[in-house]
């Protein structure tokens, strides 16, 4: 069985630290956020943070796991759909909803060099993304691969683009759904 995200394994104290780190990473990036900043936000000492997470990298991966647990749940549900078309449609809705709910964090996930380095070798993340692309792509379909890459870039890019910063979530969601459905030739 492929490795899974384990976000539900964290204690209440660890979750407070993860939540604080998530907010700070969204505002300052991973490199721009110190463990002292996280400790100050939580109201504990830096030693207490090190007691919960042995390294900053371990904390970063915990944040990733907590944020992406919803995506893992969405993939689990999509994989139970009766057809590949319905699975794609269900998954795209959840991906867009997750991205909109975590607007400021999407930029960190896709653009922060520390984040990219850590998740590139994180087994549960790699396994999850394999499942995502397995639902979005047909075997040996170069056009599907291009569409999936465009959708990934479109969702991530649109969420953080200053042109849509003033759009409310419902409008942005509707527009992203329209674009992704067209790209994947899904019913409206």
Protein backbone atom coordinates (compact mmCIF):
# COMPACT_ATOMS: atom_id res chain seq x y z
CA UNK A 1 0.00 0.00 0.00
CA UNK A 2 1.25 3.47 -0.89
CA UNK A 3 2.30 5.74 1.98
CA UNK A 4 -0.48 8.06 3.15
CA UNK A 5 -0.53 11.47 4.75
CA UNK A 6 -0.84 11.14 8.51
CA UNK A 7 -2.16 14.52 9.58
CA UNK A 8 -4.53 13.00 12.10
CA UNK A 9 -1.63 11.64 14.15
CA UNK A 10 -0.61 15.01 15.63
CA UNK A 11 -1.35 16.05 19.21
CA UNK A 12 -3.38 19.14 20.06
CA UNK A 13 -0.18 21.06 20.91
CA UNK A 14 1.40 20.00 17.61
CA UNK A 15 -1.74 21.11 15.75
CA UNK A 16 -1.51 24.58 17.33
CA UNK A 17 2.11 24.77 16.18
CA UNK A 18 1.19 23.53 12.70
CA UNK A 19 -1.63 26.08 12.42
CA UNK A 20 0.69 28.92 13.47
CA UNK A 21 3.36 27.74 11.02
CA UNK A 22 0.77 27.51 8.24
CA UNK A 23 -0.25 31.12 8.73
CA UNK A 24 3.33 32.35 8.98
CA UNK A 25 4.48 30.33 5.96
CA UNK A 26 1.61 31.86 3.99
CA UNK A 27 2.71 35.35 4.98
CA UNK A 28 6.52 34.99 4.89
CA UNK A 29 7.34 31.74 3.08
CA UNK A 30 9.20 28.89 4.71
CA UNK A 31 12.63 30.53 4.55
CA UNK A 32 11.23 33.81 5.89
CA UNK A 33 9.66 32.13 8.92
CA UNK A 34 11.85 31.27 11.87
CA UNK A 35 11.06 28.76 14.57
CA UNK A 36 11.18 31.68 17.00
CA UNK A 37 8.41 33.41 15.05
CA UNK A 38 6.32 30.25 15.27
CA UNK A 39 7.04 29.88 18.99
CA UNK A 40 6.08 33.51 19.61
CA UNK A 41 2.84 33.03 17.67
CA UNK A 42 1.92 29.96 19.71
CA UNK A 43 3.09 31.51 22.99
CA UNK A 44 5.72 28.90 23.80
CA UNK A 45 9.50 28.71 23.76
CA UNK A 46 11.51 27.64 20.76
CA UNK A 47 12.61 24.64 22.82
CA UNK A 48 8.95 23.61 23.06
CA UNK A 49 8.70 23.69 19.26
CA UNK A 50 11.82 21.49 19.02
CA UNK A 51 10.24 19.12 21.53
CA UNK A 52 7.22 18.72 19.21
CA UNK A 53 9.17 18.62 15.93
CA UNK A 54 12.82 17.62 15.85
CA UNK A 55 13.62 19.91 12.90
CA UNK A 56 12.05 22.74 10.96
CA UNK A 57 11.83 20.39 7.98
CA UNK A 58 9.72 17.99 10.07
CA UNK A 59 7.39 20.87 10.93
CA UNK A 60 7.16 21.92 7.27
CA UNK A 61 6.20 18.38 6.26
CA UNK A 62 3.61 18.26 9.05
CA UNK A 63 2.07 21.45 7.65
CA UNK A 64 1.99 19.89 4.18
CA UNK A 65 0.31 16.78 5.51
CA UNK A 66 -2.36 18.75 7.37
CA UNK A 67 -3.14 20.96 4.39
CA UNK A 68 -3.19 18.12 1.88
CA UNK A 69 -5.24 15.72 3.99
CA UNK A 70 -8.36 17.19 2.37
CA UNK A 71 -6.88 16.43 -1.05
CA UNK A 72 -6.18 12.86 0.03
CA UNK A 73 -9.79 12.53 1.21
CA UNK A 74 -10.99 13.97 -2.11
CA UNK A 75 -8.91 11.45 -4.04
CA UNK A 76 -10.27 8.63 -1.87
CA UNK A 77 -13.83 9.73 -2.68
CA UNK A 78 -13.13 10.31 -6.38
CA UNK A 79 -11.68 6.81 -6.72
CA UNK A 80 -15.05 5.39 -5.67
CA UNK A 81 -16.94 7.16 -8.46
CA UNK A 82 -18.50 4.79 -11.01
CA UNK A 83 -16.71 6.31 -14.01
CA UNK A 84 -13.42 8.04 -14.73
CA UNK A 85 -15.32 11.08 -16.01
CA UNK A 86 -17.26 11.41 -12.74
CA UNK A 87 -14.04 10.87 -10.76
CA UNK A 88 -12.30 13.68 -12.65
CA UNK A 89 -15.20 16.05 -12.19
CA UNK A 90 -15.44 15.32 -8.46
CA UNK A 91 -11.70 15.65 -7.96
CA UNK A 92 -11.43 18.94 -9.84
CA UNK A 93 -14.16 20.49 -7.71
CA UNK A 94 -12.33 19.46 -4.54
CA UNK A 95 -8.94 20.66 -5.82
CA UNK A 96 -10.40 24.06 -6.67
CA UNK A 97 -12.19 24.31 -3.32
CA UNK A 98 -9.00 23.44 -1.44
CA UNK A 99 -6.96 25.97 -3.42
CA UNK A 100 -9.50 28.72 -2.79
CA UNK A 101 -9.74 27.92 0.92
CA UNK A 102 -5.94 28.17 1.19
CA UNK A 103 -5.30 30.98 -1.29
CA UNK A 104 -2.23 32.48 0.35
CA UNK A 105 -0.74 29.07 1.03
CA UNK A 106 -0.94 27.84 -2.58
CA UNK A 107 1.91 30.17 -3.53
CA UNK A 108 4.11 28.65 -0.81
CA UNK A 109 3.30 25.10 -1.88
CA UNK A 110 4.11 25.80 -5.51
CA UNK A 111 6.83 28.42 -5.30
CA UNK A 112 8.81 28.24 -2.07
CA UNK A 113 12.17 26.54 -2.77
CA UNK A 114 12.34 24.91 0.67
CA UNK A 115 8.81 23.55 0.30
CA UNK A 116 9.49 22.23 -3.20
CA UNK A 117 12.69 20.50 -2.04
CA UNK A 118 10.99 18.83 0.90
CA UNK A 119 7.85 17.60 -0.83
CA UNK A 120 9.77 16.35 -3.86
CA UNK A 121 11.13 13.49 -1.77
CA UNK A 122 8.24 13.03 0.68
CA UNK A 123 6.78 9.57 0.00
CA UNK A 124 3.19 10.31 1.02
CA UNK A 125 3.10 13.47 -1.12
CA UNK A 126 4.55 11.64 -4.13
CA UNK A 127 2.03 8.81 -3.71
CA UNK A 128 -0.86 11.28 -3.40
CA UNK A 129 0.14 13.20 -6.51
CA UNK A 130 0.48 9.94 -8.42
CA UNK A 131 -3.12 9.13 -7.50
CA UNK A 132 -4.27 12.64 -8.49
CA UNK A 133 -2.67 12.40 -11.91
CA UNK A 134 -3.90 8.83 -12.28
CA UNK A 135 -7.45 10.16 -12.03
CA UNK A 136 -6.82 13.08 -14.36
CA UNK A 137 -4.87 11.30 -17.08
CA UNK A 138 -5.64 8.50 -19.48
CA UNK A 139 -2.81 6.09 -20.20
CA UNK A 140 -0.58 7.16 -23.09
CA UNK A 141 -2.55 10.35 -23.71
CA UNK A 142 -0.15 13.22 -24.41
CA UNK A 143 -3.05 15.64 -24.85
CA UNK A 144 -4.41 14.66 -21.43
CA UNK A 145 -1.00 15.21 -19.87
CA UNK A 146 -0.85 18.68 -21.40
CA UNK A 147 -4.38 19.45 -20.18
CA UNK A 148 -3.51 18.27 -16.65
CA UNK A 149 -0.38 20.44 -16.63
CA UNK A 150 -2.37 23.43 -17.86
CA UNK A 151 -5.09 22.89 -15.26
CA UNK A 152 -2.53 22.56 -12.48
CA UNK A 153 -0.79 25.75 -13.56
CA UNK A 154 -4.09 27.54 -14.14
CA UNK A 155 -5.50 26.75 -10.72
CA UNK A 156 -2.28 27.52 -8.86
CA UNK A 157 -1.53 30.58 -10.93
CA UNK A 158 -5.03 32.00 -10.85
CA UNK A 159 -5.40 31.61 -7.10
CA UNK A 160 -2.38 33.84 -6.40
CA UNK A 161 -2.63 36.19 -9.38
CA UNK A 162 -3.16 39.86 -8.45
CA UNK A 163 -5.78 40.14 -11.22
CA UNK A 164 -8.16 37.97 -9.19
CA UNK A 165 -7.15 39.09 -5.70
CA UNK A 166 -10.36 41.11 -5.39
CA UNK A 167 -12.67 38.35 -6.59
CA UNK A 168 -14.85 36.70 -4.01
CA UNK A 169 -14.41 32.96 -3.52
CA UNK A 170 -17.69 32.00 -5.21
CA UNK A 171 -16.88 33.90 -8.41
CA UNK A 172 -13.32 32.58 -8.57
CA UNK A 173 -14.57 29.04 -7.94
CA UNK A 174 -17.19 29.29 -10.70
CA UNK A 175 -14.70 30.62 -13.23
CA UNK A 176 -12.06 28.02 -12.41
CA UNK A 177 -14.64 25.24 -12.67
CA UNK A 178 -15.74 26.52 -16.07
CA UNK A 179 -12.17 26.61 -17.38
CA UNK A 180 -11.17 23.20 -15.99
CA UNK A 181 -14.34 21.52 -17.23
CA UNK A 182 -13.69 22.85 -20.72
CA UNK A 183 -10.07 21.71 -20.69
CA UNK A 184 -11.04 18.20 -19.61
CA UNK A 185 -14.14 18.16 -21.82
CA UNK A 186 -16.36 17.53 -18.80
CA UNK A 187 -20.06 18.38 -18.75
CA UNK A 188 -20.93 21.79 -17.31
